[in-house]
């Protein structure tokens, strides 16, 4: 299996968030599992690339990264986070 590129990561995040619906969030691991499969050896290594892609998408206004239900600073957040589409998308 080849490692997904930035385009595939972005498409997966945006597709899953759109499927979940406005105001609802996805876990970044859902995107990683969609690309890498259910085994941790497949999806685990994708978590950092997913995070980098999510940060870029937030800076572009395409997603919102939340922690404890609130938007975060994309350059300075730690721990568990969720992703959603911006309101009105």
N, C-alpha and C. Protein backbone atom coordinates (compact mmCIF):
# COMPACT_ATOMS: atom_id res chain seq x y z
N UNK A 1 0.84 -1.19 0.00
CA UNK A 1 0.00 0.00 0.00
C UNK A 1 0.88 1.25 0.00
N UNK A 2 0.56 2.20 -0.84
CA UNK A 2 1.34 3.42 -0.90
C UNK A 2 0.83 4.42 0.13
N UNK A 3 1.74 5.25 0.57
CA UNK A 3 1.38 6.28 1.54
C UNK A 3 0.53 7.35 0.85
N UNK A 4 -0.62 7.72 1.45
CA UNK A 4 -1.47 8.73 0.81
C UNK A 4 -0.77 10.08 0.73
N UNK A 5 -1.02 10.80 -0.35
CA UNK A 5 -0.42 12.13 -0.49
C UNK A 5 -1.35 13.19 0.12
N UNK A 6 -0.87 14.41 0.10
CA UNK A 6 -1.59 15.54 0.70
C UNK A 6 -3.00 15.68 0.11
N UNK A 7 -3.13 15.46 -1.18
CA UNK A 7 -4.43 15.58 -1.85
C UNK A 7 -5.42 14.54 -1.32
N UNK A 8 -4.94 13.31 -1.15
CA UNK A 8 -5.80 12.25 -0.61
C UNK A 8 -6.19 12.53 0.84
N UNK A 9 -5.24 13.03 1.63
CA UNK A 9 -5.54 13.36 3.03
C UNK A 9 -6.61 14.44 3.08
N UNK A 10 -6.44 15.49 2.30
CA UNK A 10 -7.39 16.60 2.28
C UNK A 10 -8.77 16.11 1.84
N UNK A 11 -8.82 15.35 0.76
CA UNK A 11 -10.10 14.87 0.24
C UNK A 11 -10.82 14.00 1.27
N UNK A 12 -10.09 13.15 1.96
CA UNK A 12 -10.69 12.27 2.96
C UNK A 12 -11.26 13.07 4.13
N UNK A 13 -10.49 14.02 4.63
CA UNK A 13 -10.96 14.87 5.74
C UNK A 13 -12.23 15.61 5.34
N UNK A 14 -12.19 16.26 4.18
CA UNK A 14 -13.34 17.06 3.74
C UNK A 14 -14.56 16.19 3.45
N UNK A 15 -14.35 15.02 2.86
CA UNK A 15 -15.47 14.12 2.56
C UNK A 15 -16.12 13.62 3.84
N UNK A 16 -15.31 13.16 4.79
CA UNK A 16 -15.87 12.65 6.05
C UNK A 16 -16.60 13.74 6.82
N UNK A 17 -16.03 14.94 6.85
CA UNK A 17 -16.67 16.05 7.56
C UNK A 17 -18.00 16.41 6.90
N UNK A 18 -18.03 16.39 5.57
CA UNK A 18 -19.27 16.70 4.85
C UNK A 18 -20.32 15.63 5.09
N UNK A 19 -19.91 14.38 5.12
CA UNK A 19 -20.84 13.29 5.38
C UNK A 19 -21.42 13.38 6.80
N UNK A 20 -20.61 13.82 7.74
CA UNK A 20 -21.05 13.92 9.13
C UNK A 20 -22.10 15.03 9.27
N UNK A 21 -21.93 16.11 8.51
CA UNK A 21 -22.94 17.16 8.49
C UNK A 21 -22.50 18.40 9.26
N UNK A 22 -23.18 19.50 8.96
CA UNK A 22 -22.86 20.79 9.56
C UNK A 22 -23.01 20.75 11.08
N UNK A 23 -22.03 21.33 11.75
CA UNK A 23 -22.06 21.40 13.20
C UNK A 23 -21.60 20.14 13.90
N UNK A 24 -21.36 19.06 13.15
CA UNK A 24 -20.90 17.80 13.74
C UNK A 24 -19.43 17.61 13.41
N UNK A 25 -18.73 16.89 14.26
CA UNK A 25 -17.29 16.74 14.10
C UNK A 25 -16.89 15.30 13.77
N UNK A 26 -15.68 15.19 13.24
CA UNK A 26 -15.06 13.88 13.04
C UNK A 26 -13.78 13.84 13.87
N UNK A 27 -13.36 12.64 14.20
CA UNK A 27 -12.08 12.44 14.87
C UNK A 27 -11.03 12.27 13.77
N UNK A 28 -9.86 12.86 13.93
CA UNK A 28 -8.82 12.70 12.92
C UNK A 28 -8.49 11.23 12.63
N UNK A 29 -8.65 10.38 13.65
CA UNK A 29 -8.36 8.96 13.44
C UNK A 29 -9.34 8.32 12.46
N UNK A 30 -10.53 8.90 12.32
CA UNK A 30 -11.48 8.37 11.32
C UNK A 30 -10.90 8.54 9.92
N UNK A 31 -10.30 9.69 9.65
CA UNK A 31 -9.67 9.92 8.35
C UNK A 31 -8.47 9.00 8.17
N UNK A 32 -7.68 8.84 9.21
CA UNK A 32 -6.52 7.96 9.13
C UNK A 32 -6.94 6.52 8.87
N UNK A 33 -7.99 6.07 9.55
CA UNK A 33 -8.48 4.70 9.34
C UNK A 33 -9.07 4.52 7.94
N UNK A 34 -9.74 5.55 7.43
CA UNK A 34 -10.31 5.45 6.08
C UNK A 34 -9.22 5.23 5.04
N UNK A 35 -8.04 5.78 5.30
CA UNK A 35 -6.92 5.65 4.35
C UNK A 35 -6.00 4.48 4.66
N UNK A 36 -5.79 4.21 5.95
CA UNK A 36 -4.79 3.23 6.33
C UNK A 36 -5.33 1.90 6.81
N UNK A 37 -6.66 1.77 6.90
CA UNK A 37 -7.25 0.52 7.38
C UNK A 37 -7.40 0.52 8.89
N UNK A 38 -7.97 -0.56 9.41
CA UNK A 38 -8.29 -0.63 10.84
C UNK A 38 -7.11 -0.99 11.73
N UNK A 39 -6.06 -1.56 11.15
CA UNK A 39 -4.91 -1.96 11.98
C UNK A 39 -4.07 -0.73 12.33
N UNK A 40 -3.69 -0.60 13.60
CA UNK A 40 -2.89 0.57 14.02
C UNK A 40 -1.61 0.78 13.21
N UNK A 41 -1.02 -0.29 12.69
CA UNK A 41 0.19 -0.14 11.88
C UNK A 41 -0.13 0.58 10.57
N UNK A 42 -1.38 0.52 10.13
CA UNK A 42 -1.77 1.19 8.90
C UNK A 42 -2.17 2.64 9.13
N UNK A 43 -3.02 2.87 10.14
CA UNK A 43 -3.52 4.24 10.34
C UNK A 43 -2.68 5.08 11.29
N UNK A 44 -1.97 4.47 12.20
CA UNK A 44 -1.18 5.21 13.19
C UNK A 44 -0.17 6.18 12.58
N UNK A 45 0.61 5.72 11.59
CA UNK A 45 1.60 6.62 10.98
C UNK A 45 0.97 7.79 10.22
N UNK A 46 -0.34 7.73 9.96
CA UNK A 46 -1.00 8.80 9.22
C UNK A 46 -1.47 9.94 10.13
N UNK A 47 -1.41 9.76 11.44
CA UNK A 47 -1.96 10.77 12.35
C UNK A 47 -1.24 12.12 12.24
N UNK A 48 0.08 12.12 12.14
CA UNK A 48 0.79 13.40 12.02
C UNK A 48 0.54 14.06 10.66
N UNK A 49 0.58 13.30 9.55
CA UNK A 49 0.22 13.93 8.27
C UNK A 49 -1.22 14.47 8.26
N UNK A 50 -2.14 13.76 8.91
CA UNK A 50 -3.53 14.23 9.01
C UNK A 50 -3.56 15.55 9.78
N UNK A 51 -2.81 15.62 10.88
CA UNK A 51 -2.78 16.84 11.68
C UNK A 51 -2.23 18.01 10.87
N UNK A 52 -1.12 17.79 10.16
CA UNK A 52 -0.53 18.86 9.34
C UNK A 52 -1.53 19.34 8.27
N UNK A 53 -2.23 18.38 7.66
CA UNK A 53 -3.21 18.73 6.63
C UNK A 53 -4.37 19.51 7.26
N UNK A 54 -4.82 19.08 8.44
CA UNK A 54 -5.92 19.77 9.13
C UNK A 54 -5.53 21.21 9.47
N UNK A 55 -4.31 21.42 9.93
CA UNK A 55 -3.84 22.77 10.25
C UNK A 55 -3.86 23.64 8.99
N UNK A 56 -3.36 23.10 7.89
CA UNK A 56 -3.37 23.86 6.63
C UNK A 56 -4.80 24.17 6.19
N UNK A 57 -5.68 23.19 6.30
CA UNK A 57 -7.08 23.41 5.90
C UNK A 57 -7.76 24.44 6.78
N UNK A 58 -7.41 24.48 8.07
CA UNK A 58 -8.00 25.49 8.94
C UNK A 58 -7.51 26.88 8.54
N UNK A 59 -6.23 26.99 8.24
CA UNK A 59 -5.68 28.28 7.82
C UNK A 59 -6.29 28.75 6.51
N UNK A 60 -6.73 27.80 5.68
CA UNK A 60 -7.38 28.12 4.41
C UNK A 60 -8.89 28.33 4.58
N UNK A 61 -9.40 28.13 5.80
CA UNK A 61 -10.82 28.33 6.06
C UNK A 61 -11.71 27.18 5.62
N UNK A 62 -11.13 26.00 5.37
CA UNK A 62 -11.90 24.87 4.88
C UNK A 62 -12.42 23.96 5.99
N UNK A 63 -11.72 23.93 7.13
CA UNK A 63 -12.19 23.16 8.29
C UNK A 63 -11.94 23.98 9.54
N UNK A 64 -12.56 23.55 10.63
CA UNK A 64 -12.32 24.14 11.95
C UNK A 64 -11.80 23.02 12.83
N UNK A 65 -10.68 23.28 13.50
CA UNK A 65 -10.14 22.33 14.47
C UNK A 65 -10.69 22.75 15.84
N UNK A 66 -11.30 21.80 16.52
CA UNK A 66 -11.86 22.11 17.84
C UNK A 66 -11.23 21.23 18.91
N UNK A 67 -11.22 21.77 20.10
CA UNK A 67 -10.80 21.03 21.29
C UNK A 67 -11.79 21.41 22.37
N UNK A 68 -12.41 20.39 22.96
CA UNK A 68 -13.45 20.61 23.98
C UNK A 68 -14.56 21.52 23.44
N UNK A 69 -14.87 21.34 22.15
CA UNK A 69 -15.98 22.06 21.54
C UNK A 69 -15.69 23.48 21.07
N UNK A 70 -14.47 23.94 21.28
CA UNK A 70 -14.12 25.32 20.90
C UNK A 70 -13.03 25.33 19.84
N UNK A 71 -13.11 26.27 18.90
CA UNK A 71 -12.03 26.38 17.90
C UNK A 71 -10.69 26.67 18.58
N UNK A 72 -9.64 26.14 18.01
CA UNK A 72 -8.29 26.32 18.56
C UNK A 72 -7.46 27.22 17.64
N UNK A 73 -6.34 27.68 18.16
CA UNK A 73 -5.33 28.36 17.35
C UNK A 73 -4.60 27.25 16.59
N UNK A 74 -4.64 27.25 15.25
CA UNK A 74 -4.03 26.14 14.51
C UNK A 74 -2.52 26.02 14.71
N UNK A 75 -1.89 27.09 15.16
CA UNK A 75 -0.44 27.04 15.39
C UNK A 75 -0.07 26.64 16.81
N UNK A 76 -1.07 26.49 17.69
CA UNK A 76 -0.76 26.23 19.09
C UNK A 76 -1.90 25.48 19.78
N UNK A 77 -1.98 24.17 19.54
CA UNK A 77 -2.95 23.35 20.26
C UNK A 77 -2.33 21.99 20.54
N UNK A 78 -2.79 21.39 21.62
CA UNK A 78 -2.28 20.09 22.03
C UNK A 78 -3.43 19.16 22.34
N UNK A 79 -3.10 17.89 22.37
CA UNK A 79 -4.06 16.90 22.84
C UNK A 79 -5.10 16.51 21.81
N UNK A 80 -6.20 15.99 22.34
CA UNK A 80 -7.28 15.46 21.52
C UNK A 80 -7.99 16.62 20.82
N UNK A 81 -8.24 16.44 19.54
CA UNK A 81 -8.93 17.47 18.78
C UNK A 81 -9.91 16.82 17.82
N UNK A 82 -10.84 17.62 17.31
CA UNK A 82 -11.84 17.16 16.36
C UNK A 82 -11.87 18.12 15.18
N UNK A 83 -12.47 17.68 14.10
CA UNK A 83 -12.53 18.49 12.88
C UNK A 83 -13.98 18.63 12.42
N UNK A 84 -14.31 19.82 11.92
CA UNK A 84 -15.63 20.03 11.35
C UNK A 84 -15.54 21.07 10.25
N UNK A 85 -16.60 21.11 9.45
CA UNK A 85 -16.67 22.14 8.42
C UNK A 85 -17.04 23.47 9.07
N UNK A 86 -16.60 24.57 8.49
CA UNK A 86 -17.02 25.88 9.03
C UNK A 86 -18.54 26.02 8.93
N UNK A 87 -19.13 26.79 9.82
CA UNK A 87 -20.58 27.00 9.80
C UNK A 87 -20.99 27.62 8.47
N UNK A 88 -22.11 27.18 7.93
CA UNK A 88 -22.62 27.73 6.68
C UNK A 88 -22.02 27.13 5.43
N UNK A 89 -21.19 26.10 5.56
CA UNK A 89 -20.57 25.47 4.38
C UNK A 89 -21.51 24.44 3.79
